[in-house]
C-alpha atoms as a PDB file:
ATOM      1  CA  UNK A   1      52.028 116.402  94.186  1.00  0.00           C
ATOM      2  CA  UNK A   2      54.257 119.326  95.078  1.00  0.00           C
ATOM      3  CA  UNK A   3      56.650 116.938  96.875  1.00  0.00           C
ATOM      4  CA  UNK A   4      57.055 114.817  93.737  1.00  0.00           C
ATOM      5  CA  UNK A   5      58.073 117.904  91.744  1.00  0.00           C
ATOM      6  CA  UNK A   6      60.560 119.276  94.287  1.00  0.00           C
ATOM      7  CA  UNK A   7      63.918 118.528  92.667  1.00  0.00           C
ATOM      8  CA  UNK A   8      65.882 119.406  95.823  1.00  0.00           C
ATOM      9  CA  UNK A   9      64.002 116.805  97.856  1.00  0.00           C
ATOM     10  CA  UNK A  10      64.334 114.219  95.093  1.00  0.00           C
ATOM     11  CA  UNK A  11      68.103 114.789  94.878  1.00  0.00           C
ATOM     12  CA  UNK A  12      68.346 114.391  98.643  1.00  0.00           C
ATOM     13  CA  UNK A  13      66.400 111.125  98.418  1.00  0.00           C
ATOM     14  CA  UNK A  14      68.716 109.881  95.666  1.00  0.00           C
ATOM     15  CA  UNK A  15      71.803 110.651  97.733  1.00  0.00           C
ATOM     16  CA  UNK A  16      70.442 109.136 100.950  1.00  0.00           C
ATOM     17  CA  UNK A  17      67.847 106.411 100.372  1.00  0.00           C
ATOM     18  CA  UNK A  18      68.944 105.683  96.827  1.00  0.00           C
ATOM     19  CA  UNK A  19      72.597 105.037  97.636  1.00  0.00           C
ATOM     20  CA  UNK A  20      72.439 103.839 101.256  1.00  0.00           C
ATOM     21  CA  UNK A  21      74.286 101.894 102.623  1.00  0.00           C
ATOM     22  CA  UNK A  22      77.331 103.506 101.082  1.00  0.00           C
ATOM     23  CA  UNK A  23      80.130 101.077 101.980  1.00  0.00           C
ATOM     24  CA  UNK A  24      81.617  98.908 100.516  1.00  0.00           C
ATOM     25  CA  UNK A  25      79.598 100.068  97.485  1.00  0.00           C
ATOM     26  CA  UNK A  26      76.205 101.755  97.119  1.00  0.00           C
ATOM     27  CA  UNK A  27      73.480  99.178  97.654  1.00  0.00           C
ATOM     28  CA  UNK A  28      71.621  99.895  94.421  1.00  0.00           C
ATOM     29  CA  UNK A  29      74.832  99.390  92.406  1.00  0.00           C
ATOM     30  CA  UNK A  30      75.300  95.947  93.936  1.00  0.00           C
ATOM     31  CA  UNK A  31      71.696  95.008  93.177  1.00  0.00           C
ATOM     32  CA  UNK A  32      71.996  96.229  89.580  1.00  0.00           C
ATOM     33  CA  UNK A  33      75.168  94.169  89.137  1.00  0.00           C
ATOM     34  CA  UNK A  34      73.298  91.159  90.511  1.00  0.00           C
ATOM     35  CA  UNK A  35      70.442  91.703  88.056  1.00  0.00           C
ATOM     36  CA  UNK A  36      72.787  92.229  85.111  1.00  0.00           C
ATOM     37  CA  UNK A  37      74.518  88.983  86.068  1.00  0.00           C
ATOM     38  CA  UNK A  38      71.292  87.060  85.622  1.00  0.00           C
ATOM     39  CA  UNK A  39      69.587  87.669  88.989  1.00  0.00           C
ATOM     40  CA  UNK A  40      70.357  84.122  90.059  1.00  0.00           C
ATOM     41  CA  UNK A  41      69.009  83.475  93.533  1.00  0.00           C
ATOM     42  CA  UNK A  42      67.139  86.762  93.908  1.00  0.00           C
ATOM     43  CA  UNK A  43      64.110  86.507  96.150  1.00  0.00           C
ATOM     44  CA  UNK A  44      61.101  88.787  96.524  1.00  0.00           C
ATOM     45  CA  UNK A  45      62.821  90.843  99.220  1.00  0.00           C
ATOM     46  CA  UNK A  46      65.728  91.525  96.857  1.00  0.00           C
ATOM     47  CA  UNK A  47      63.397  92.763  94.115  1.00  0.00           C
ATOM     48  CA  UNK A  48      61.564  94.924  96.650  1.00  0.00           C
ATOM     49  CA  UNK A  49      64.931  96.301  97.746  1.00  0.00           C
ATOM     50  CA  UNK A  50      65.748  97.269  94.141  1.00  0.00           C
ATOM     51  CA  UNK A  51      62.381  98.999  93.888  1.00  0.00           C
ATOM     52  CA  UNK A  52      62.878 100.825  97.199  1.00  0.00           C
ATOM     53  CA  UNK A  53      66.397 102.051  96.434  1.00  0.00           C
ATOM     54  CA  UNK A  54      65.661 102.760  92.764  1.00  0.00           C
ATOM     55  CA  UNK A  55      62.455 104.757  93.185  1.00  0.00           C
ATOM     56  CA  UNK A  56      64.186 108.090  93.979  1.00  0.00           C
ATOM     57  CA  UNK A  57      66.148 107.768  90.727  1.00  0.00           C
ATOM     58  CA  UNK A  58      62.923 107.104  88.817  1.00  0.00           C
ATOM     59  CA  UNK A  59      61.472 110.291  90.308  1.00  0.00           C
ATOM     60  CA  UNK A  60      64.610 112.222  89.346  1.00  0.00           C
ATOM     61  CA  UNK A  61      64.425 110.893  85.792  1.00  0.00           C
ATOM     62  CA  UNK A  62      60.760 111.924  85.673  1.00  0.00           C
ATOM     63  CA  UNK A  63      61.624 115.494  86.703  1.00  0.00           C
ATOM     64  CA  UNK A  64      64.419 115.705  84.114  1.00  0.00           C
ATOM     65  CA  UNK A  65      62.112 114.494  81.326  1.00  0.00           C
ATOM     66  CA  UNK A  66      59.394 116.958  82.353  1.00  0.00           C
ATOM     67  CA  UNK A  67      61.897 119.839  82.337  1.00  0.00           C
ATOM     68  CA  UNK A  68      63.241 118.852  78.904  1.00  0.00           C
ATOM     69  CA  UNK A  69      59.791 118.739  77.340  1.00  0.00           C
ATOM     70  CA  UNK A  70      58.734 122.000  79.026  1.00  0.00           C
ATOM     71  CA  UNK A  71      61.664 123.881  77.486  1.00  0.00           C
ATOM     72  CA  UNK A  72      61.018 122.386  74.033  1.00  0.00           C
ATOM     73  CA  UNK A  73      57.357 123.398  74.046  1.00  0.00           C
ATOM     74  CA  UNK A  74      58.004 126.951  75.278  1.00  0.00           C
END
């Protein structure tokens, strides 16, 4: 559980796994554009790819929400 709360590791995952491959545009950005365009022709592997590249950002969002609620309660 300590790894899931390490914000330095999560930021590193976002910058590497979350955005890779970087050129011509970050992979997750291309997938999100595809989904926002209606996800026409997306197969299971494409959805899995979104999950794989998006998971570090979900973890980062989780850490941010935890930190916000910790400061409000203290």
